[in-house]
Amino acid sequence: MVCSGLPLLSCGEMRAFTHWILSLFLNPTGVIVLAALDSTTFFWLPLGIDAVVIILSARYGSYSWIVPLLAAGGSVAGAWLTFWMGTKIGEKGLDRHVPQKRLAYIRKRIRNSGAITLAALDRIPPPFPFTLFVLGAGALEVNARTFFVTLTVCRILRFGVEAALAVLYGRRIVRWLDSDLFHDIVGTFIILAIVITTLSIIRLVRLSRPQRRRAAA
């Protein structure tokens, strides 16, 4: 039998593949790393950190409160890196890192919103380009302290609610995690994430070369 997500893999191979990938992140260190990557502009895995928070919280039970704190810490650390990149490239450099169609909207939203309102946009789920707003916030010199305090609170709330639901519906979640459909979906998203993340890193490296040359000159 061949799974639909990855035609070249059997369902047994798909399960082994997704189990291996998930095992990298279904632990305290893995949650922090994935949350940090999720807040950068070069990593793409929609709802990946949310899924890991839910799965790990369902497993931890009464200790599930630890998971949202770890996820929020890693997420804010990744957002800080993105914000710092924004301060380095500046407003003029945004057009080289953000698609032109989104750039005008991002600039307008950042200029018309305070740091608190901007950080609260984190509550909007993908495909909303929140990391691009973080990059723009750094480039447009949004108040960093207010922004990150608000962002930390919002992310603790977001991951805390997910952890609470995971504990409440833990048994159902565990049964669904063992289904072929789940492994099929996860495998497909992982492959897409690898491809898109690789392309994003290549693009980021190419964009940084002219800056390096000008700095050397």
Protein backbone atom coordinates (compact mmCIF):
# COMPACT_ATOMS: atom_id res chain seq x y z
CA MET A 1 0.00 0.00 0.00
CA VAL A 2 1.29 3.47 -0.91
CA CYS A 3 0.39 6.56 1.13
CA SER A 4 -0.97 9.55 -0.74
CA GLY A 5 1.27 12.19 0.82
CA LEU A 6 4.53 10.72 -0.48
CA PRO A 7 3.89 8.36 -3.44
CA LEU A 8 7.32 6.74 -3.20
CA LEU A 9 6.82 5.61 0.41
CA SER A 10 4.65 2.83 1.79
CA CYS A 11 2.45 3.55 4.80
CA GLY A 12 4.89 1.70 7.03
CA GLU A 13 7.78 3.80 5.73
CA MET A 14 5.66 6.94 6.11
CA ARG A 15 5.02 6.14 9.77
CA ALA A 16 8.70 5.49 10.41
CA PHE A 17 9.59 8.76 8.67
CA THR A 18 7.09 10.91 10.59
CA HIS A 19 7.94 9.20 13.90
CA TRP A 20 11.61 10.03 13.34
CA ILE A 21 10.91 13.67 12.48
CA LEU A 22 8.48 14.15 15.37
CA SER A 23 10.91 12.53 17.82
CA LEU A 24 13.36 15.35 17.06
CA PHE A 25 10.90 17.93 18.40
CA LEU A 26 8.70 16.05 20.89
CA ASN A 27 10.97 16.84 23.82
CA PRO A 28 11.76 20.02 25.81
CA THR A 29 14.79 20.96 23.70
CA GLY A 30 12.97 20.19 20.45
CA VAL A 31 10.05 22.45 21.39
CA ILE A 32 12.39 25.38 22.02
CA VAL A 33 14.30 24.83 18.76
CA LEU A 34 11.15 24.44 16.61
CA ALA A 35 9.50 27.48 18.24
CA ALA A 36 12.59 29.57 17.54
CA LEU A 37 12.77 28.41 13.92
CA ASP A 38 9.06 29.08 13.48
CA SER A 39 9.66 32.76 14.30
CA THR A 40 12.30 33.27 11.61
CA THR A 41 11.75 34.36 8.01
CA PHE A 42 13.57 31.40 6.44
CA PHE A 43 11.69 28.50 8.09
CA TRP A 44 8.28 27.31 6.89
CA LEU A 45 6.08 24.74 8.64
CA PRO A 46 2.50 26.01 9.11
CA LEU A 47 1.09 25.14 12.56
CA GLY A 48 4.10 22.89 13.20
CA ILE A 49 4.89 24.34 16.63
CA ASP A 50 1.20 24.29 17.55
CA ALA A 51 0.99 20.58 16.71
CA VAL A 52 4.10 19.81 18.78
CA VAL A 53 2.75 21.79 21.75
CA ILE A 54 -0.53 19.89 21.60
CA ILE A 55 1.06 16.45 21.23
CA LEU A 56 3.65 16.99 23.96
CA SER A 57 1.08 18.50 26.34
CA ALA A 58 -1.20 15.50 25.83
CA ARG A 59 1.70 13.23 26.79
CA TYR A 60 2.84 15.27 29.80
CA GLY A 61 -0.59 15.48 31.42
CA SER A 62 -0.29 17.29 34.77
CA TYR A 63 3.13 18.65 33.75
CA SER A 64 1.79 20.13 30.52
CA TRP A 65 2.14 23.69 31.89
CA ILE A 66 5.87 23.43 31.16
CA VAL A 67 5.32 23.06 27.41
CA PRO A 68 3.78 26.49 26.62
CA LEU A 69 6.51 28.21 28.65
CA LEU A 70 9.24 26.44 26.67
CA ALA A 71 7.47 27.14 23.37
CA ALA A 72 6.95 30.81 24.24
CA GLY A 73 10.61 31.19 25.25
CA GLY A 74 11.90 29.68 22.01
CA SER A 75 9.39 31.61 19.94
CA VAL A 76 10.34 34.97 21.44
CA ALA A 77 14.05 34.16 20.96
CA GLY A 78 13.44 33.45 17.25
CA ALA A 79 11.35 36.61 16.93
CA TRP A 80 14.17 38.62 18.52
CA LEU A 81 16.56 37.30 15.85
CA THR A 82 14.11 38.33 13.12
CA PHE A 83 13.62 41.75 14.76
CA TRP A 84 17.39 42.20 14.97
CA MET A 85 17.73 41.32 11.28
CA GLY A 86 15.18 44.05 10.56
CA THR A 87 17.22 46.64 12.44
CA LYS A 88 20.28 45.67 10.41
CA ILE A 89 18.70 45.82 6.96
CA GLY A 90 16.76 49.02 7.73
CA GLU A 91 13.64 50.32 5.98
CA LYS A 92 15.38 50.60 2.61
CA GLY A 93 16.40 46.96 2.78
CA LEU A 94 12.86 45.67 3.33
CA ASP A 95 12.06 45.66 -0.39
CA ARG A 96 14.82 43.07 -0.90
CA HIS A 97 13.42 40.69 1.70
CA VAL A 98 9.64 41.18 1.49
CA PRO A 99 7.46 40.63 -1.62
CA GLN A 100 6.43 43.98 -3.11
CA LYS A 101 2.70 43.21 -2.87
CA ARG A 102 2.95 42.72 0.89
CA LEU A 103 5.50 45.43 1.60
CA ALA A 104 3.14 48.41 1.23
CA TYR A 105 0.55 46.75 3.49
CA ILE A 106 3.16 45.84 6.11
CA ARG A 107 4.60 49.36 6.17
CA LYS A 108 1.13 50.89 6.50
CA ARG A 109 0.07 48.48 9.26
CA ILE A 110 3.26 49.00 11.28
CA ARG A 111 3.09 52.80 11.02
CA ASN A 112 -0.60 52.88 11.98
CA SER A 113 -0.28 50.40 14.85
CA GLY A 114 1.42 50.68 18.21
CA ALA A 115 3.92 48.08 19.40
CA ILE A 116 1.22 46.39 21.52
CA THR A 117 -1.28 46.06 18.66
CA LEU A 118 1.43 44.83 16.31
CA ALA A 119 2.66 42.12 18.69
CA ALA A 120 -0.94 41.02 19.31
CA LEU A 121 -1.19 40.08 15.61
CA ASP A 122 0.58 36.89 16.71
CA ARG A 123 -2.84 35.51 17.61
CA ILE A 124 -3.79 35.36 13.92
CA PRO A 125 -2.99 31.87 12.58
CA PRO A 126 -1.05 31.09 9.34
CA PRO A 127 -0.88 31.95 6.47
CA PHE A 128 -0.77 35.43 8.05
CA PRO A 129 2.87 36.54 7.52
CA PHE A 130 3.64 37.48 11.14
CA THR A 131 7.42 36.96 10.81
CA LEU A 132 7.47 39.57 8.03
CA PHE A 133 5.80 42.01 10.42
CA VAL A 134 8.48 41.26 13.02
CA LEU A 135 11.16 41.92 10.40
CA GLY A 136 9.41 45.16 9.43
CA ALA A 137 9.01 46.18 13.07
CA GLY A 138 12.77 45.99 13.51
CA ALA A 139 13.43 47.91 10.29
CA LEU A 140 10.92 50.65 11.17
CA GLU A 141 12.22 50.98 14.74
CA VAL A 142 9.14 49.88 16.68
CA ASN A 143 9.60 50.10 20.47
CA ALA A 144 11.36 46.80 21.15
CA ARG A 145 10.61 46.49 24.87
CA THR A 146 6.86 47.04 24.52
CA PHE A 147 6.71 44.82 21.45
CA PHE A 148 8.44 41.84 23.06
CA VAL A 149 6.64 42.07 26.40
CA THR A 150 3.32 41.99 24.52
CA LEU A 151 4.54 39.22 22.23
CA THR A 152 5.62 37.09 25.19
CA VAL A 153 2.22 37.43 26.88
CA CYS A 154 0.38 36.63 23.62
CA ARG A 155 2.45 33.54 22.95
CA ILE A 156 2.07 32.19 26.48
CA LEU A 157 -1.70 32.62 26.09
CA ARG A 158 -1.72 30.98 22.67
CA PHE A 159 0.34 27.95 23.67
CA GLY A 160 -1.33 27.78 27.08
CA VAL A 161 -4.79 27.40 25.54
CA GLU A 162 -3.47 24.70 23.19
CA ALA A 163 -1.89 22.84 26.11
CA ALA A 164 -5.12 23.01 28.13
CA LEU A 165 -7.15 21.62 25.22
CA ALA A 166 -4.56 18.88 24.75
CA VAL A 167 -4.93 17.77 28.36
CA LEU A 168 -8.72 17.89 28.10
CA TYR A 169 -8.87 15.84 24.90
CA GLY A 170 -5.63 13.89 25.40
CA ARG A 171 -6.98 10.39 24.72
CA ARG A 172 -8.67 11.38 21.46
CA ILE A 173 -5.52 13.17 20.32
CA VAL A 174 -3.33 10.14 21.02
CA ARG A 175 -5.68 7.88 19.00
CA TRP A 176 -5.67 10.28 16.06
CA LEU A 177 -1.87 10.53 16.15
CA ASP A 178 -1.68 6.82 15.46
CA SER A 179 -3.80 7.05 12.28
CA ASP A 180 -2.46 6.73 8.74
CA LEU A 181 -4.14 10.03 7.83
CA PHE A 182 -2.12 11.91 10.45
CA HIS A 183 1.19 10.44 9.26
CA ASP A 184 0.24 11.14 5.65
CA ILE A 185 -0.51 14.80 6.40
CA VAL A 186 2.61 15.29 8.52
CA GLY A 187 4.86 13.64 5.93
CA THR A 188 3.52 15.88 3.17
CA PHE A 189 4.00 19.04 5.22
CA ILE A 190 7.52 18.00 6.23
CA ILE A 191 8.58 17.55 2.61
CA LEU A 192 7.05 20.92 1.67
CA ALA A 193 8.76 22.51 4.67
CA ILE A 194 12.16 21.13 3.65
CA VAL A 195 11.79 22.37 0.06
CA ILE A 196 10.46 25.86 0.93
CA THR A 197 12.91 26.35 3.81
CA THR A 198 15.84 25.37 1.57
CA LEU A 199 14.71 27.83 -1.11
CA SER A 200 14.28 30.56 1.53
CA ILE A 201 17.81 30.02 2.87
CA ILE A 202 19.27 30.10 -0.66
CA ARG A 203 17.41 33.36 -1.34
CA LEU A 204 18.60 34.85 1.96
CA VAL A 205 22.23 33.95 1.17
CA ARG A 206 21.97 35.50 -2.30
CA LEU A 207 20.46 38.68 -0.89
CA SER A 208 23.24 39.01 1.69
CA ARG A 209 26.08 38.80 -0.88
CA PRO A 210 25.72 42.37 -2.24
CA GLN A 211 25.75 43.71 1.33
CA ARG A 212 28.94 41.80 2.11
CA ARG A 213 30.61 43.12 -1.01
CA ARG A 214 29.66 46.72 -0.19
CA ALA A 215 30.91 46.27 3.39
CA ALA A 216 34.22 44.90 2.12
CA ALA A 217 34.58 47.82 -0.30
